[in-house]
Amino acid sequence: MNLLQVAWWNVRALRRRLFGLVAMVAVAGAVCLSAIGIASAAQGSTTRQVGESTANRSITVDSPADRPDTAQLTEATEKRLAGIPHVQSVQHRLQVSMPVRDNPEGADLLYATTYRAALAPPVVKSVRDKLFPLHRGEVVFPASTHGVDLSSMVGRTVTVDAHRYVRPGVGGTVSTRVKVVGLYDPSWQLDGPDTAYADDGSVVAWAAAAAGRTTADYLRTSGWNQLTVVADSSAHVPQVLAAVQRMDYPAVTLQQQLQALPGVLTLVRLTGRVLLGVLAVLAFAGAVTVTGALGRQRAQEVGILKAVGFRGRSVTAMLVAEMAIAGAVAAVAGAVLAVGVSGAAAAGLRRIGDVAPYVQDAVPLPGAPTLIALSVATVLVVAAGAVLPARRAARMSPTEAMKDW
């Protein structure tokens, strides 16, 4: 018969006295596991959404206006950038003023901008489900601009009077009828305020007219205002960025999406960390209290064990082993209980609009390594809390332990 067997039998016999300690540690462990699991799942979801999103793989290349020795962002430049290793696509942006003649809402000057799939504006209203790419003669306005609500513009046709350069001091207008097919959230100002997204052909035609050139000549000489280079993975962004900058183009990486968790999930993660400390304190204090109480109540048992030849070290080991077994039972019970707690908590968090996308798992629990590490730590803390009271109980002499028999 070894000490572990004796300890196991004692735990079974003393299960009612140990129930409080086991229940306290199990509940604390379940809440702790749930908080860590939800925060980890949310962090993983954020990493997947942001890490490999198009925005996070994008590199913005601006026109080298103050660098006469660097080629403009022409069609030829676009092809050169597309040839860089690990480049998935190159998306262009051109922006030109767009005076709106007959806008009944009063917003008479917007800036026509080409659409880039990598940096799509958040559409709030449209005439069809799949709005982009736009057809010729279609535009998307901001939902409001300069305090003017443009929500009634969807579906209307307006006239754009674009400037046409003739010769120095002489100009004209190029009138084009366009249809407003959608509105986007005006807080999206990545392309500047008062931006209106239009099809490429219309924007290039207006820009070419303003420069007094044909569209083909304009794209060959002046080109785009900005290019967005999209890498095939976020890991290759630094390599692609370096290649672009070696061509003497001003380029920066773009991370439009937030890489932090919503506030409520940050609080959940912080709660999980705090509960780790609380769990350790509860487990240690509980083990000290319970072991000390049991040691006093079992004085006669300790005396008999020492009388039949058990050494103090063996008695200490047996008492500590009992608490370790109780800690193991509490850890297992806590893991089982965490399934229900985390499932219920996740269901509640999915009702919060800005949190729901980050809590997709039905039962978000931490991974096996974390689960095992926390369980082992629980057992060790409970066992550590039992050491001192166990040693005090084991130091009693058989005579003193059995004096009240």
Protein backbone atom coordinates (compact mmCIF):
# COMPACT_ATOMS: atom_id res chain seq x y z
CA MET A 1 0.00 0.00 0.00
CA ASN A 2 1.53 3.34 -1.02
CA LEU A 3 0.85 6.86 0.18
CA LEU A 4 -1.18 7.83 -2.91
CA GLN A 5 -3.62 4.98 -2.33
CA VAL A 6 -4.00 5.93 1.31
CA ALA A 7 -4.46 9.59 0.30
CA TRP A 8 -7.11 8.64 -2.27
CA TRP A 9 -9.05 6.55 0.27
CA ASN A 10 -8.85 9.40 2.77
CA VAL A 11 -10.15 11.91 0.20
CA ARG A 12 -13.12 9.66 -0.53
CA ALA A 13 -13.82 9.27 3.17
CA LEU A 14 -13.48 13.02 3.79
CA ARG A 15 -15.31 14.15 0.64
CA ARG A 16 -17.95 16.07 2.57
CA ARG A 17 -15.35 18.06 4.48
CA LEU A 18 -13.42 18.74 1.27
CA PHE A 19 -16.48 19.73 -0.75
CA GLY A 20 -16.23 23.43 0.13
CA LEU A 21 -12.61 23.69 -1.01
CA VAL A 22 -13.27 21.72 -4.21
CA ALA A 23 -16.39 23.77 -5.06
CA MET A 24 -14.68 27.11 -4.42
CA VAL A 25 -11.64 26.28 -6.55
CA ALA A 26 -13.80 24.70 -9.30
CA VAL A 27 -16.08 27.73 -9.64
CA ALA A 28 -13.17 30.17 -9.65
CA GLY A 29 -11.35 28.02 -12.19
CA ALA A 30 -14.43 27.78 -14.42
CA VAL A 31 -14.91 31.54 -14.50
CA CYS A 32 -11.20 32.05 -15.10
CA LEU A 33 -11.12 29.53 -17.97
CA SER A 34 -14.22 31.08 -19.51
CA ALA A 35 -12.80 34.61 -19.45
CA ILE A 36 -9.47 33.47 -20.87
CA GLY A 37 -11.21 31.34 -23.50
CA ILE A 38 -13.50 34.14 -24.69
CA ALA A 39 -10.65 36.66 -24.81
CA SER A 40 -8.38 34.19 -26.66
CA ALA A 41 -11.09 33.33 -29.19
CA ALA A 42 -11.80 37.01 -29.75
CA GLN A 43 -8.10 37.78 -30.15
CA GLY A 44 -7.75 34.93 -32.63
CA SER A 45 -10.74 36.17 -34.61
CA THR A 46 -9.29 39.67 -34.65
CA THR A 47 -5.93 38.38 -35.84
CA ARG A 48 -7.57 36.41 -38.65
CA GLN A 49 -9.79 39.30 -39.72
CA VAL A 50 -7.15 42.00 -39.52
CA GLY A 51 -3.94 40.10 -40.16
CA GLU A 52 -4.91 38.82 -43.61
CA SER A 53 -7.46 41.47 -44.53
CA THR A 54 -6.90 43.35 -47.78
CA ALA A 55 -6.39 46.59 -45.87
CA ASN A 56 -3.63 45.07 -43.76
CA ARG A 57 -1.91 43.79 -46.90
CA SER A 58 -2.09 47.15 -48.65
CA ILE A 59 0.74 49.56 -49.40
CA THR A 60 -0.14 53.12 -50.39
CA VAL A 61 2.07 54.67 -53.08
CA ASP A 62 1.66 58.42 -53.54
CA SER A 63 2.40 60.44 -56.65
CA PRO A 64 6.02 61.74 -56.55
CA ALA A 65 4.99 65.35 -57.27
CA ASP A 66 8.16 66.83 -55.72
CA ARG A 67 10.52 64.29 -57.32
CA PRO A 68 11.05 65.20 -60.98
CA ASP A 69 13.51 62.33 -61.40
CA THR A 70 10.87 59.74 -60.46
CA ALA A 71 8.30 58.59 -63.00
CA GLN A 72 4.67 59.53 -62.39
CA LEU A 73 2.13 56.90 -61.46
CA THR A 74 1.25 56.09 -65.05
CA GLU A 75 -0.08 52.87 -66.56
CA ALA A 76 3.53 51.81 -67.15
CA THR A 77 4.34 52.36 -63.46
CA GLU A 78 1.29 50.34 -62.49
CA LYS A 79 2.56 47.43 -64.58
CA ARG A 80 6.05 47.69 -63.03
CA LEU A 81 4.66 47.55 -59.53
CA ALA A 82 2.45 44.60 -60.46
CA GLY A 83 5.59 42.71 -61.47
CA ILE A 84 7.13 42.86 -57.97
CA PRO A 85 7.25 39.39 -56.35
CA HIS A 86 4.35 38.63 -53.96
CA VAL A 87 2.16 41.44 -55.31
CA GLN A 88 -1.42 40.26 -55.72
CA SER A 89 -2.84 43.37 -57.36
CA VAL A 90 -2.29 47.08 -57.96
CA GLN A 91 -5.31 49.34 -57.65
CA HIS A 92 -5.28 52.94 -58.85
CA ARG A 93 -6.85 56.11 -57.51
CA LEU A 94 -7.54 59.32 -59.39
CA GLN A 95 -9.33 62.32 -57.92
CA VAL A 96 -10.72 65.40 -59.63
CA SER A 97 -13.18 68.13 -58.67
CA MET A 98 -16.78 67.39 -59.65
CA PRO A 99 -19.13 70.43 -59.65
CA VAL A 100 -22.73 69.22 -59.43
CA ARG A 101 -25.04 71.68 -61.20
CA ASP A 102 -28.56 70.55 -60.34
CA ASN A 103 -28.25 68.96 -56.94
CA PRO A 104 -31.51 69.83 -55.19
CA GLU A 105 -29.93 69.28 -51.77
CA GLY A 106 -27.40 72.06 -52.30
CA ALA A 107 -24.09 70.10 -52.19
CA ASP A 108 -22.59 71.56 -55.38
CA LEU A 109 -18.93 70.52 -55.19
CA LEU A 110 -17.64 67.03 -54.58
CA TYR A 111 -14.43 65.25 -55.60
CA ALA A 112 -14.84 62.40 -58.04
CA THR A 113 -12.62 59.47 -57.05
CA THR A 114 -12.03 56.07 -58.57
CA TYR A 115 -13.02 53.02 -56.53
CA ARG A 116 -10.43 50.65 -55.05
CA ALA A 117 -11.56 47.21 -53.92
CA ALA A 118 -8.84 47.13 -51.26
CA LEU A 119 -10.30 50.23 -49.59
CA ALA A 120 -14.01 49.96 -50.26
CA PRO A 121 -16.16 52.65 -48.59
CA PRO A 122 -18.90 51.40 -46.23
CA VAL A 123 -22.12 51.67 -48.24
CA VAL A 124 -25.23 52.59 -46.23
CA LYS A 125 -27.78 52.79 -49.04
CA SER A 126 -27.78 51.63 -52.67
CA VAL A 127 -30.01 50.75 -55.61
CA ARG A 128 -28.65 47.18 -55.81
CA ASP A 129 -27.01 44.61 -53.57
CA LYS A 130 -23.65 44.46 -55.36
CA LEU A 131 -22.85 48.11 -55.93
CA PHE A 132 -19.23 47.92 -57.04
CA PRO A 133 -17.74 48.00 -59.61
CA LEU A 134 -19.71 50.96 -60.88
CA HIS A 135 -21.08 51.13 -64.39
CA ARG A 136 -20.34 54.06 -66.69
CA GLY A 137 -22.14 57.19 -65.54
CA GLU A 138 -22.75 55.99 -61.96
CA VAL A 139 -21.64 57.77 -58.77
CA VAL A 140 -21.79 57.12 -55.04
CA PHE A 141 -22.22 60.16 -52.81
CA PRO A 142 -21.49 60.55 -49.08
CA ALA A 143 -24.66 60.26 -47.00
CA SER A 144 -24.10 63.84 -45.89
CA THR A 145 -21.65 66.65 -46.52
CA HIS A 146 -21.27 70.13 -44.99
CA GLY A 147 -24.31 69.41 -42.83
CA VAL A 148 -26.48 68.60 -45.86
CA ASP A 149 -28.35 65.28 -45.82
CA LEU A 150 -28.06 63.56 -49.22
CA SER A 151 -30.17 60.50 -48.40
CA SER A 152 -32.84 61.55 -50.93
CA MET A 153 -30.34 61.57 -53.81
CA VAL A 154 -30.25 57.80 -54.34
CA GLY A 155 -31.69 56.96 -57.75
CA ARG A 156 -31.57 60.55 -59.03
CA THR A 157 -29.70 61.77 -62.09
CA VAL A 158 -27.66 64.96 -61.83
CA THR A 159 -25.41 66.97 -64.13
CA VAL A 160 -21.68 67.29 -63.56
CA ASP A 161 -20.03 70.35 -65.11
CA ALA A 162 -16.36 69.33 -65.21
CA HIS A 163 -13.77 71.96 -66.06
CA ARG A 164 -12.17 71.79 -69.53
CA TYR A 165 -8.81 73.41 -70.22
CA VAL A 166 -8.47 75.06 -73.64
CA ARG A 167 -5.46 77.37 -73.35
CA PRO A 168 -4.04 79.64 -70.65
CA GLY A 169 -6.80 81.87 -69.42
CA VAL A 170 -9.44 80.11 -71.51
CA GLY A 171 -11.56 77.19 -70.40
CA GLY A 172 -14.95 75.62 -70.67
CA THR A 173 -17.07 72.88 -69.21
CA VAL A 174 -17.79 69.26 -70.00
CA SER A 175 -21.34 68.43 -68.93
CA THR A 176 -22.11 64.83 -68.07
CA ARG A 177 -25.28 63.28 -66.71
CA VAL A 178 -24.62 60.79 -63.90
CA LYS A 179 -26.86 58.70 -61.71
CA VAL A 180 -26.49 58.50 -57.92
CA VAL A 181 -26.67 54.78 -57.20
CA GLY A 182 -25.60 54.72 -53.57
CA LEU A 183 -24.48 56.50 -50.41
CA TYR A 184 -21.57 55.70 -48.11
CA ASP A 185 -20.84 56.52 -44.48
CA PRO A 186 -19.38 60.07 -44.50
CA SER A 187 -17.10 59.24 -41.55
CA TRP A 188 -15.07 57.19 -44.05
CA GLN A 189 -12.60 59.81 -45.23
CA LEU A 190 -9.68 57.74 -46.35
CA ASP A 191 -9.86 59.53 -49.73
CA GLY A 192 -10.63 62.87 -48.11
CA PRO A 193 -13.86 64.66 -47.21
CA ASP A 194 -16.56 65.33 -49.83
CA THR A 195 -15.46 62.39 -51.93
CA ALA A 196 -17.84 60.93 -54.52
CA TYR A 197 -16.90 57.58 -56.01
CA ALA A 198 -17.39 57.31 -59.78
CA ASP A 199 -16.50 54.82 -62.49
CA ASP A 200 -12.92 54.92 -63.81
CA GLY A 201 -13.89 56.06 -67.31
CA SER A 202 -15.77 59.14 -66.10
CA VAL A 203 -13.09 60.21 -63.59
CA VAL A 204 -10.29 59.84 -66.17
CA ALA A 205 -12.32 61.78 -68.76
CA TRP A 206 -12.91 64.67 -66.32
CA ALA A 207 -9.25 64.74 -65.23
CA ALA A 208 -8.04 64.65 -68.84
CA ALA A 209 -10.41 67.48 -69.78
CA ALA A 210 -9.13 69.58 -66.87
CA ALA A 211 -5.58 69.04 -68.14
CA GLY A 212 -6.51 69.70 -71.78
CA ARG A 213 -5.47 66.23 -72.94
CA THR A 214 -6.97 63.08 -74.30
CA THR A 215 -7.61 60.26 -71.86
CA ALA A 216 -4.91 58.05 -73.40
CA ASP A 217 -2.33 60.84 -73.25
CA TYR A 218 -3.31 61.71 -69.69
CA LEU A 219 -2.82 58.16 -68.41
CA ARG A 220 0.48 57.88 -70.26
CA THR A 221 1.94 61.14 -68.91
CA SER A 222 0.18 62.33 -65.74
CA GLY A 223 -1.35 59.08 -64.53
CA TRP A 224 -2.96 58.38 -61.18
CA ASN A 225 -2.83 60.34 -57.92
CA GLN A 226 -2.17 57.23 -55.87
CA LEU A 227 -1.70 53.48 -56.23
CA THR A 228 -2.55 50.77 -53.73
CA VAL A 229 -0.28 47.73 -53.91
CA VAL A 230 -1.84 44.64 -52.33
CA ALA A 231 0.57 41.89 -51.20
CA ASP A 232 -0.45 38.23 -51.35
CA SER A 233 -0.03 37.88 -47.56
CA SER A 234 0.65 40.12 -44.59
CA ALA A 235 4.00 38.39 -44.07
CA HIS A 236 5.22 39.70 -47.45
CA VAL A 237 4.20 43.33 -46.85
CA PRO A 238 7.65 44.45 -45.57
CA GLN A 239 9.36 42.83 -48.58
CA VAL A 240 6.99 44.43 -51.08
CA LEU A 241 7.22 47.80 -49.29
CA ALA A 242 11.01 47.73 -49.54
CA ALA A 243 10.84 46.92 -53.26
CA VAL A 244 8.47 49.83 -53.92
CA GLN A 245 10.61 52.26 -51.93
CA ARG A 246 13.70 51.16 -53.86
CA MET A 247 11.94 52.57 -56.94
CA ASP A 248 12.01 55.98 -55.15
CA TYR A 249 8.26 56.12 -54.62
CA PRO A 250 6.88 57.41 -51.30
CA ALA A 251 5.09 54.37 -49.91
CA VAL A 252 3.63 53.43 -46.55
CA THR A 253 1.71 50.42 -45.28
CA LEU A 254 -1.95 50.87 -44.48
CA GLN A 255 -3.85 49.33 -41.58
CA GLN A 256 -7.30 50.87 -41.70
CA GLN A 257 -8.97 48.18 -39.59
CA LEU A 258 -8.54 48.25 -35.82
CA GLN A 259 -6.15 45.71 -34.38
CA ALA A 260 -7.47 46.00 -30.83
CA LEU A 261 -10.40 44.21 -29.29
CA PRO A 262 -13.57 46.13 -28.51
CA GLY A 263 -13.60 47.57 -25.01
CA VAL A 264 -15.88 44.90 -23.55
CA LEU A 265 -13.58 42.12 -24.77
CA THR A 266 -10.54 43.91 -23.43
CA LEU A 267 -12.34 43.99 -20.11
CA VAL A 268 -13.04 40.26 -20.39
CA ARG A 269 -9.36 39.58 -21.04
CA LEU A 270 -8.34 41.73 -18.09
CA THR A 271 -10.91 39.94 -15.94
CA GLY A 272 -9.39 36.61 -16.89
CA ARG A 273 -5.95 37.76 -15.80
CA VAL A 274 -7.25 39.13 -12.52
CA LEU A 275 -9.12 35.91 -11.87
CA LEU A 276 -5.90 33.95 -12.30
CA GLY A 277 -4.52 35.77 -9.30
CA VAL A 278 -7.78 35.41 -7.39
CA LEU A 279 -7.86 31.69 -8.17
CA ALA A 280 -4.31 31.24 -6.87
CA VAL A 281 -5.09 33.14 -3.64
CA LEU A 282 -8.34 31.22 -3.05
CA ALA A 283 -6.75 27.87 -3.75
CA PHE A 284 -3.76 28.54 -1.50
CA ALA A 285 -5.80 30.02 1.36
CA GLY A 286 -8.39 27.26 1.07
CA ALA A 287 -5.77 24.55 1.20
CA VAL A 288 -4.12 26.13 4.27
CA THR A 289 -7.43 26.41 6.10
CA VAL A 290 -8.79 22.99 5.21
CA THR A 291 -5.53 21.13 5.82
CA GLY A 292 -5.03 22.83 9.19
CA ALA A 293 -8.59 22.03 10.25
CA LEU A 294 -8.36 18.43 9.11
CA GLY A 295 -4.99 18.03 10.78
CA ARG A 296 -6.46 19.07 14.13
CA GLN A 297 -9.58 16.92 13.67
CA ARG A 298 -7.51 13.91 12.65
CA ALA A 299 -4.96 14.14 15.46
CA GLN A 300 -5.74 10.61 16.67
CA GLU A 301 -5.35 9.23 13.15
CA VAL A 302 -1.97 10.95 12.86
CA GLY A 303 -0.96 9.52 16.24
CA ILE A 304 -1.90 5.97 15.20
CA LEU A 305 0.03 6.29 11.94
CA LYS A 306 3.13 7.44 13.80
CA ALA A 307 2.66 4.74 16.43
CA VAL A 308 2.68 1.99 13.78
CA GLY A 309 5.86 3.29 12.19
CA PHE A 310 4.95 6.15 9.89
CA ARG A 311 7.56 8.87 9.94
CA GLY A 312 6.66 12.54 10.11
CA ARG A 313 7.77 12.98 6.50
CA SER A 314 5.41 10.25 5.34
CA VAL A 315 2.48 11.76 7.23
CA THR A 316 3.26 15.17 5.70
CA ALA A 317 3.41 13.65 2.23
CA MET A 318 0.10 11.86 2.76
CA LEU A 319 -1.70 15.04 3.88
CA VAL A 320 -0.23 17.07 1.01
CA ALA A 321 -1.17 14.31 -1.44
CA GLU A 322 -4.76 14.45 -0.19
CA MET A 323 -4.92 18.15 -0.95
CA ALA A 324 -3.27 17.62 -4.34
CA ILE A 325 -5.94 15.04 -5.21
CA ALA A 326 -8.64 17.47 -4.06
CA GLY A 327 -7.02 20.13 -6.26
CA ALA A 328 -7.00 17.76 -9.23
CA VAL A 329 -10.68 16.99 -8.71
CA ALA A 330 -11.40 20.73 -8.49
CA ALA A 331 -9.44 21.38 -11.70
CA VAL A 332 -11.38 18.72 -13.62
CA ALA A 333 -14.69 19.94 -12.21
CA GLY A 334 -13.74 23.51 -13.11
CA ALA A 335 -12.95 22.52 -16.72
CA VAL A 336 -16.31 20.77 -17.05
CA LEU A 337 -18.13 23.69 -15.47
CA ALA A 338 -16.27 26.11 -17.75
CA VAL A 339 -18.00 24.56 -20.77
CA GLY A 340 -21.38 25.76 -19.56
CA VAL A 341 -20.12 29.09 -18.23
CA SER A 342 -18.24 30.01 -21.41
CA GLY A 343 -21.12 28.89 -23.62
CA ALA A 344 -23.58 31.07 -21.70
CA ALA A 345 -21.19 34.04 -21.61
CA ALA A 346 -20.48 33.77 -25.35
CA ALA A 347 -24.21 33.64 -26.11
CA GLY A 348 -24.68 36.83 -24.11
CA LEU A 349 -21.78 38.62 -25.79
CA ARG A 350 -23.09 37.71 -29.25
CA ARG A 351 -26.09 39.92 -28.52
CA ILE A 352 -23.79 42.95 -28.39
CA GLY A 353 -23.52 44.30 -31.92
CA ASP A 354 -19.87 45.35 -32.06
CA VAL A 355 -18.72 42.28 -30.14
CA ALA A 356 -20.65 39.54 -31.97
CA PRO A 357 -18.16 39.16 -34.90
CA TYR A 358 -15.39 38.38 -32.41
CA VAL A 359 -17.24 35.66 -30.47
CA GLN A 360 -18.22 33.08 -33.08
CA ASP A 361 -17.38 29.87 -31.20
CA ALA A 362 -20.31 28.26 -29.35
CA VAL A 363 -18.01 27.22 -26.49
CA PRO A 364 -14.86 29.40 -26.52
CA LEU A 365 -12.34 27.66 -24.28
CA PRO A 366 -8.57 28.14 -24.21
CA GLY A 367 -6.39 25.67 -26.07
CA ALA A 368 -5.23 22.38 -24.60
CA PRO A 369 -1.78 23.72 -23.52
CA THR A 370 -3.39 26.55 -21.53
CA LEU A 371 -6.01 24.22 -20.09
CA ILE A 372 -3.40 21.71 -18.95
CA ALA A 373 -1.06 24.39 -17.59
CA LEU A 374 -3.84 26.01 -15.55
CA SER A 375 -4.99 22.64 -14.19
CA VAL A 376 -1.47 21.68 -13.14
CA ALA A 377 -0.96 25.10 -11.58
CA THR A 378 -4.18 24.67 -9.58
CA VAL A 379 -2.99 21.33 -8.20
CA LEU A 380 0.43 22.75 -7.32
CA VAL A 381 -1.02 25.81 -5.56
CA VAL A 382 -3.44 23.72 -3.52
CA ALA A 383 -0.66 21.30 -2.60
CA ALA A 384 1.67 24.17 -1.68
CA GLY A 385 -0.97 25.62 0.60
CA ALA A 386 -1.20 22.30 2.44
CA VAL A 387 2.53 21.95 3.19
CA LEU A 388 2.85 24.06 6.35
CA PRO A 389 -0.28 22.84 8.18
CA ALA A 390 0.59 19.26 7.17
CA ARG A 391 4.07 19.63 8.66
CA ARG A 392 2.61 21.00 11.88
CA ALA A 393 0.23 18.04 12.14
CA ALA A 394 3.02 15.56 11.39
CA ARG A 395 5.26 16.96 14.13
CA MET A 396 2.85 15.83 16.85
CA SER A 397 4.13 12.89 18.92
CA PRO A 398 1.95 9.75 19.15
CA THR A 399 1.43 10.40 22.88
CA GLU A 400 0.25 13.96 22.34
CA ALA A 401 -1.94 13.00 19.39
CA MET A 402 -3.75 10.23 21.33
CA LYS A 403 -3.92 11.82 24.78
CA ASP A 404 -7.68 12.39 24.52
CA TRP A 405 -8.48 8.91 23.14
